[in-house]
Protein backbone atom coordinates (compact mmCIF):
# COMPACT_ATOMS: atom_id res chain seq x y z
CA MET A 1 35.88 129.47 -72.43
CA THR A 2 32.90 128.29 -70.40
CA ILE A 3 33.03 128.98 -66.65
CA ARG A 4 31.81 126.02 -64.61
CA VAL A 5 29.76 127.16 -61.61
CA CYS A 6 28.73 125.46 -58.38
CA LEU A 7 25.88 127.29 -56.65
CA ALA A 8 25.15 126.84 -52.94
CA GLY A 9 21.61 127.91 -52.12
CA ALA A 10 20.41 127.22 -55.67
CA THR A 11 16.79 126.63 -54.66
CA GLY A 12 16.51 129.69 -52.42
CA TRP A 13 15.06 133.12 -53.18
CA ALA A 14 18.20 134.69 -54.66
CA GLY A 15 19.90 131.48 -55.72
CA SER A 16 17.03 130.21 -57.85
CA ALA A 17 16.87 133.48 -59.80
CA LEU A 18 20.62 133.28 -60.41
CA ALA A 19 20.41 129.62 -61.46
CA ARG A 20 17.76 130.42 -64.08
CA ALA A 21 19.89 133.29 -65.35
CA ILE A 22 22.97 131.05 -65.65
CA ALA A 23 20.88 128.65 -67.75
CA ARG A 24 20.40 131.47 -70.28
CA CYS A 25 24.14 132.24 -70.56
CA ASP A 26 26.35 130.73 -73.26
CA ASP A 27 29.58 131.32 -71.32
CA LEU A 28 28.46 129.86 -67.96
CA GLU A 29 27.50 126.31 -67.01
CA LEU A 30 25.95 125.26 -63.70
CA VAL A 31 27.61 121.94 -62.93
CA ALA A 32 26.47 121.38 -59.33
CA ALA A 33 24.03 122.85 -56.83
CA VAL A 34 23.65 122.72 -53.05
CA GLY A 35 20.23 122.47 -51.42
CA ARG A 36 19.50 120.06 -48.59
CA ARG A 37 15.72 119.84 -49.06
CA HIS A 38 15.97 118.82 -52.73
CA ALA A 39 19.16 116.75 -52.52
CA GLY A 40 19.41 114.04 -55.17
CA ARG A 41 17.04 115.70 -57.63
CA PRO A 42 17.94 117.41 -60.92
CA LEU A 43 17.94 121.17 -60.38
CA GLY A 44 16.00 121.67 -63.62
CA ALA A 45 13.10 119.64 -62.23
CA VAL A 46 13.11 121.59 -58.96
CA LEU A 47 13.12 124.99 -60.69
CA ASP A 48 11.09 123.95 -63.75
CA GLU A 49 13.98 124.97 -66.00
CA PRO A 50 14.89 122.18 -68.47
CA ARG A 51 18.17 123.86 -69.44
CA LEU A 52 19.55 123.08 -65.96
CA SER A 53 20.76 119.47 -65.92
CA CYS A 54 22.98 119.43 -62.81
CA THR A 55 22.18 117.55 -59.61
CA VAL A 56 21.32 119.10 -56.26
CA TYR A 57 23.63 117.88 -53.47
CA ALA A 58 23.00 117.96 -49.73
CA THR A 59 26.39 119.44 -48.87
CA ALA A 60 28.84 121.87 -50.40
CA GLN A 61 31.59 119.26 -50.09
CA ALA A 62 29.63 116.79 -52.25
CA ALA A 63 28.87 119.47 -54.83
CA LEU A 64 32.49 120.66 -54.95
CA ALA A 65 33.62 117.10 -55.65
CA GLN A 66 32.06 117.50 -59.11
CA GLY A 67 34.67 120.15 -59.96
CA CYS A 68 34.02 123.82 -60.76
CA ASP A 69 35.79 127.05 -61.62
CA VAL A 70 33.65 129.34 -59.46
CA PHE A 71 31.73 128.54 -56.28
CA VAL A 72 28.84 130.88 -55.45
CA GLU A 73 27.78 131.09 -51.80
CA TYR A 74 24.11 131.98 -51.24
CA THR A 75 23.17 130.11 -48.05
CA ARG A 76 23.28 131.15 -44.39
CA PRO A 77 25.89 133.02 -42.30
CA GLU A 78 26.60 130.03 -40.04
CA LEU A 79 27.49 127.89 -43.09
CA ALA A 80 29.08 130.42 -45.39
CA LYS A 81 32.65 130.54 -44.10
CA THR A 82 32.97 126.76 -44.01
CA HIS A 83 31.66 126.55 -47.59
CA VAL A 84 34.00 129.27 -48.83
CA LEU A 85 37.11 127.78 -47.24
CA ALA A 86 36.21 124.34 -48.63
CA ALA A 87 35.79 125.82 -52.12
CA LEU A 88 39.16 127.56 -51.94
CA GLU A 89 40.77 124.34 -50.75
CA GLN A 90 39.34 122.63 -53.85
CA GLY A 91 40.89 125.31 -56.06
CA ALA A 92 37.74 127.25 -56.97
CA HIS A 93 37.32 131.00 -57.08
CA VAL A 94 34.45 132.22 -54.87
CA VAL A 95 31.60 134.73 -55.06
CA ILE A 96 29.94 135.46 -51.71
CA GLY A 97 26.37 136.75 -51.67
CA THR A 98 25.54 135.58 -48.13
CA SER A 99 25.37 138.34 -45.53
CA GLY A 100 26.34 138.14 -41.87
CA LEU A 101 30.05 137.28 -42.15
CA THR A 102 32.27 139.23 -39.75
CA ASP A 103 35.50 141.10 -40.41
CA ALA A 104 37.34 138.25 -38.69
CA ASP A 105 35.69 135.79 -41.07
CA TYR A 106 36.78 137.86 -44.05
CA ALA A 107 40.34 138.10 -42.73
CA GLU A 108 40.51 134.30 -42.59
CA ILE A 109 38.99 134.01 -46.06
CA ALA A 110 41.42 136.59 -47.47
CA ALA A 111 44.39 134.65 -46.10
CA ALA A 112 43.10 131.41 -47.60
CA ALA A 113 42.48 133.06 -50.98
CA GLU A 114 46.03 134.43 -51.08
CA ALA A 115 47.47 131.08 -50.06
CA ARG A 116 45.56 129.25 -52.80
CA ARG A 117 46.10 132.04 -55.37
CA ARG A 118 42.37 132.34 -55.96
CA GLY A 119 39.96 135.25 -56.12
CA VAL A 120 37.08 135.91 -53.72
CA LEU A 121 34.51 138.62 -54.46
CA ALA A 122 32.12 139.38 -51.59
CA ALA A 123 29.23 141.77 -52.01
CA GLY A 124 26.61 142.57 -49.41
CA ASN A 125 24.34 143.50 -52.29
CA PHE A 126 24.66 142.87 -56.03
CA ALA A 127 21.97 145.40 -57.04
CA LEU A 128 23.29 148.36 -59.03
CA THR A 129 21.36 150.90 -56.95
CA ALA A 130 22.95 149.52 -53.75
CA VAL A 131 26.41 149.73 -55.33
CA LEU A 132 25.77 153.35 -56.28
CA LEU A 133 24.46 154.16 -52.78
CA GLN A 134 27.80 153.05 -51.36
CA LYS A 135 29.78 155.11 -53.86
CA PHE A 136 27.64 158.22 -53.32
CA ALA A 137 27.87 157.80 -49.54
CA GLU A 138 31.67 157.57 -49.70
CA LEU A 139 31.76 160.80 -51.67
CA ALA A 140 29.41 162.56 -49.24
CA ALA A 141 31.41 161.41 -46.19
CA ARG A 142 34.46 163.29 -47.47
CA TYR A 143 32.56 166.57 -47.08
CA LEU A 144 29.87 165.91 -44.47
CA PRO A 145 31.18 164.85 -41.04
CA GLN A 146 27.97 163.56 -39.43
CA TRP A 147 25.74 160.68 -40.56
CA GLU A 148 23.74 157.71 -39.30
CA ILE A 149 22.70 154.52 -41.11
CA ILE A 150 19.30 152.82 -40.94
CA ASP A 151 19.08 149.17 -41.97
CA TYR A 152 15.61 147.86 -42.92
CA ALA A 153 14.82 144.19 -43.56
CA SER A 154 12.14 141.54 -43.20
CA ASP A 155 11.24 140.31 -39.73
CA HIS A 156 12.56 136.89 -40.81
CA LYS A 157 16.12 138.13 -41.46
CA PRO A 158 18.25 136.80 -38.57
CA ASP A 159 21.47 138.78 -39.07
CA ALA A 160 21.75 142.42 -38.09
CA PRO A 161 22.97 144.59 -39.53
CA SER A 162 22.73 143.31 -43.09
CA GLY A 163 25.78 142.56 -45.18
CA THR A 164 25.03 145.67 -47.22
CA VAL A 165 25.23 147.87 -44.12
CA ARG A 166 28.32 146.11 -42.77
CA GLU A 167 30.04 146.80 -46.07
CA LEU A 168 28.83 150.42 -46.14
CA ALA A 169 30.01 151.10 -42.58
CA ALA A 170 33.41 149.57 -43.30
CA ARG A 171 33.83 151.76 -46.37
CA LEU A 172 32.90 154.93 -44.52
CA GLY A 173 35.20 153.98 -41.64
CA ARG A 174 38.13 154.05 -44.04
CA ILE A 175 37.30 157.68 -44.79
CA ARG A 176 36.58 158.94 -41.25
CA PRO A 177 34.33 158.18 -38.26
CA SER A 178 31.05 160.02 -38.09
CA ALA A 179 31.23 162.89 -35.62
CA LEU A 180 28.90 162.90 -32.61
CA THR A 181 27.84 166.21 -31.09
CA VAL A 182 26.94 164.40 -27.85
CA PRO A 183 29.38 161.54 -27.11
CA LEU A 184 27.72 158.15 -26.60
CA GLU A 185 28.95 157.96 -23.01
CA ALA A 186 27.18 161.27 -22.28
CA THR A 187 23.81 159.93 -23.53
CA GLN A 188 21.09 160.35 -20.92
CA GLY A 189 18.58 157.52 -20.73
CA LEU A 190 19.05 154.31 -22.72
CA ARG A 191 22.32 154.50 -24.64
CA GLU A 192 21.22 151.50 -26.75
CA THR A 193 18.60 153.65 -28.48
CA ARG A 194 21.45 155.53 -30.20
CA GLY A 195 22.20 152.36 -32.16
CA ALA A 196 25.40 150.34 -32.45
CA ARG A 197 28.77 151.87 -33.26
CA LEU A 198 30.12 150.01 -36.31
CA HIS A 199 33.36 151.16 -37.96
CA GLY A 200 32.68 154.67 -36.69
CA SER A 201 29.04 154.87 -37.84
CA GLN A 202 25.85 154.76 -35.79
CA VAL A 203 23.73 151.91 -37.18
CA HIS A 204 20.08 151.20 -36.44
CA ALA A 205 18.58 147.88 -37.65
CA LEU A 206 14.82 147.49 -38.14
CA ARG A 207 13.29 144.04 -38.73
CA LEU A 208 9.64 144.29 -39.70
CA PRO A 209 7.10 142.65 -42.03
CA GLY A 210 6.68 144.53 -45.29
CA TYR A 211 10.38 145.06 -45.96
CA THR A 212 12.65 143.06 -48.22
CA LEU A 213 15.79 145.14 -47.82
CA ALA A 214 16.42 148.86 -47.63
CA VAL A 215 19.39 150.95 -46.60
CA GLU A 216 19.22 154.63 -45.73
CA ILE A 217 22.11 156.89 -44.79
CA ILE A 218 21.33 160.38 -43.51
CA PHE A 219 23.97 163.12 -43.50
CA GLY A 220 23.40 166.28 -41.49
CA LEU A 221 24.78 169.81 -41.42
CA PRO A 222 23.26 172.79 -39.59
CA ASP A 223 19.90 173.57 -41.21
CA GLN A 224 20.38 171.04 -44.05
CA ARG A 225 20.20 167.30 -44.56
CA LEU A 226 21.11 164.78 -47.27
CA THR A 227 19.41 161.36 -47.49
CA ILE A 228 20.62 158.54 -49.76
CA ARG A 229 18.46 155.40 -49.86
CA HIS A 230 18.29 152.06 -51.65
CA ASP A 231 15.06 150.01 -51.61
CA ALA A 232 14.76 146.43 -52.85
CA GLY A 233 11.46 145.07 -54.12
CA SER A 234 10.07 141.58 -53.62
CA SER A 235 11.89 140.07 -56.61
CA ALA A 236 15.47 138.75 -56.65
CA GLU A 237 15.99 139.91 -60.23
CA PRO A 238 17.86 143.14 -59.33
CA TYR A 239 20.69 141.02 -57.93
CA VAL A 240 21.09 138.72 -60.92
CA ASP A 241 23.08 140.90 -63.32
CA GLY A 242 25.55 141.88 -60.61
CA ALA A 243 26.03 138.27 -59.55
CA LEU A 244 26.65 137.19 -63.16
CA LEU A 245 29.23 139.94 -63.51
CA ALA A 246 30.90 138.80 -60.28
CA ILE A 247 31.13 135.20 -61.55
CA ARG A 248 32.82 136.39 -64.74
CA LYS A 249 35.21 138.75 -62.97
CA VAL A 250 36.34 136.72 -59.94
CA PRO A 251 38.77 134.48 -61.87
CA THR A 252 40.68 137.58 -63.04
CA PHE A 253 42.34 138.46 -59.71
CA VAL A 254 43.88 136.93 -56.58
CA GLY A 255 42.79 137.65 -53.01
CA LEU A 256 39.66 139.11 -51.44
CA ARG A 257 37.73 142.04 -52.87
CA ARG A 258 34.66 143.42 -51.15
CA GLY A 259 31.92 145.20 -53.06
CA LEU A 260 30.78 144.77 -56.63
CA ASP A 261 32.23 148.17 -57.50
CA SER A 262 35.72 146.72 -56.91
CA VAL A 263 35.39 145.12 -60.36
CA LEU A 264 33.48 147.99 -61.98
CA ASP A 265 34.88 151.15 -63.52
CA LEU A 266 32.71 153.69 -61.69
CA ASP A 267 35.31 156.46 -61.40
CA SER A 268 35.71 157.30 -65.07
């Protein structure tokens, strides 16, 4: 059975790579796209991919009116929740690749998914190396009580921390909070330089030219240190395979799942 996909952000950096990949798949069909700047044009003409015949629409609501099985959200944080809730209301399953949504946003999305009996799969990062970083970090946190997270991204990225780091901190928080030798309230000088406390982890976000996205988590014990790091290059290709997997998996469950590994068998 062919899965009909609506892709919001289809002409963007990550969305365009995913759209071209969908065009190469026999079991997926892109039936509508969202992209305000190219609204009204065939997506194939915009991306120079003749196998894409769908139209680009200015709004998610207009694109969803064409009907789809899975809605993929790859736009901006301030639009994402509205798009996702609209897709669920239309009866579509949803894959979220947009970062910057809060825990409160996800709670609302989870409730809507349960009410509509649809699946939502949200991943801060669809790259396999990022998925493995999260799994390795969860394992390390069971044995190493102190860590801090550094979030690197382009100077143009408006949300901080990234969705990848939000997801990582939430996962570690379910294991335990990171211990602090000196409590934050006892910090001398500028407490803000110790970073933000997120789900029990100290997080430091850097936004500088030269970065696409990188996540580093450093664990410390007396006289020893463990560093786990994921670095993304300039291409969106590392995210494509994970996003395709998410599209295929999201119709198989009901409710919200966070993290690509939630549909992978990484424990065997």
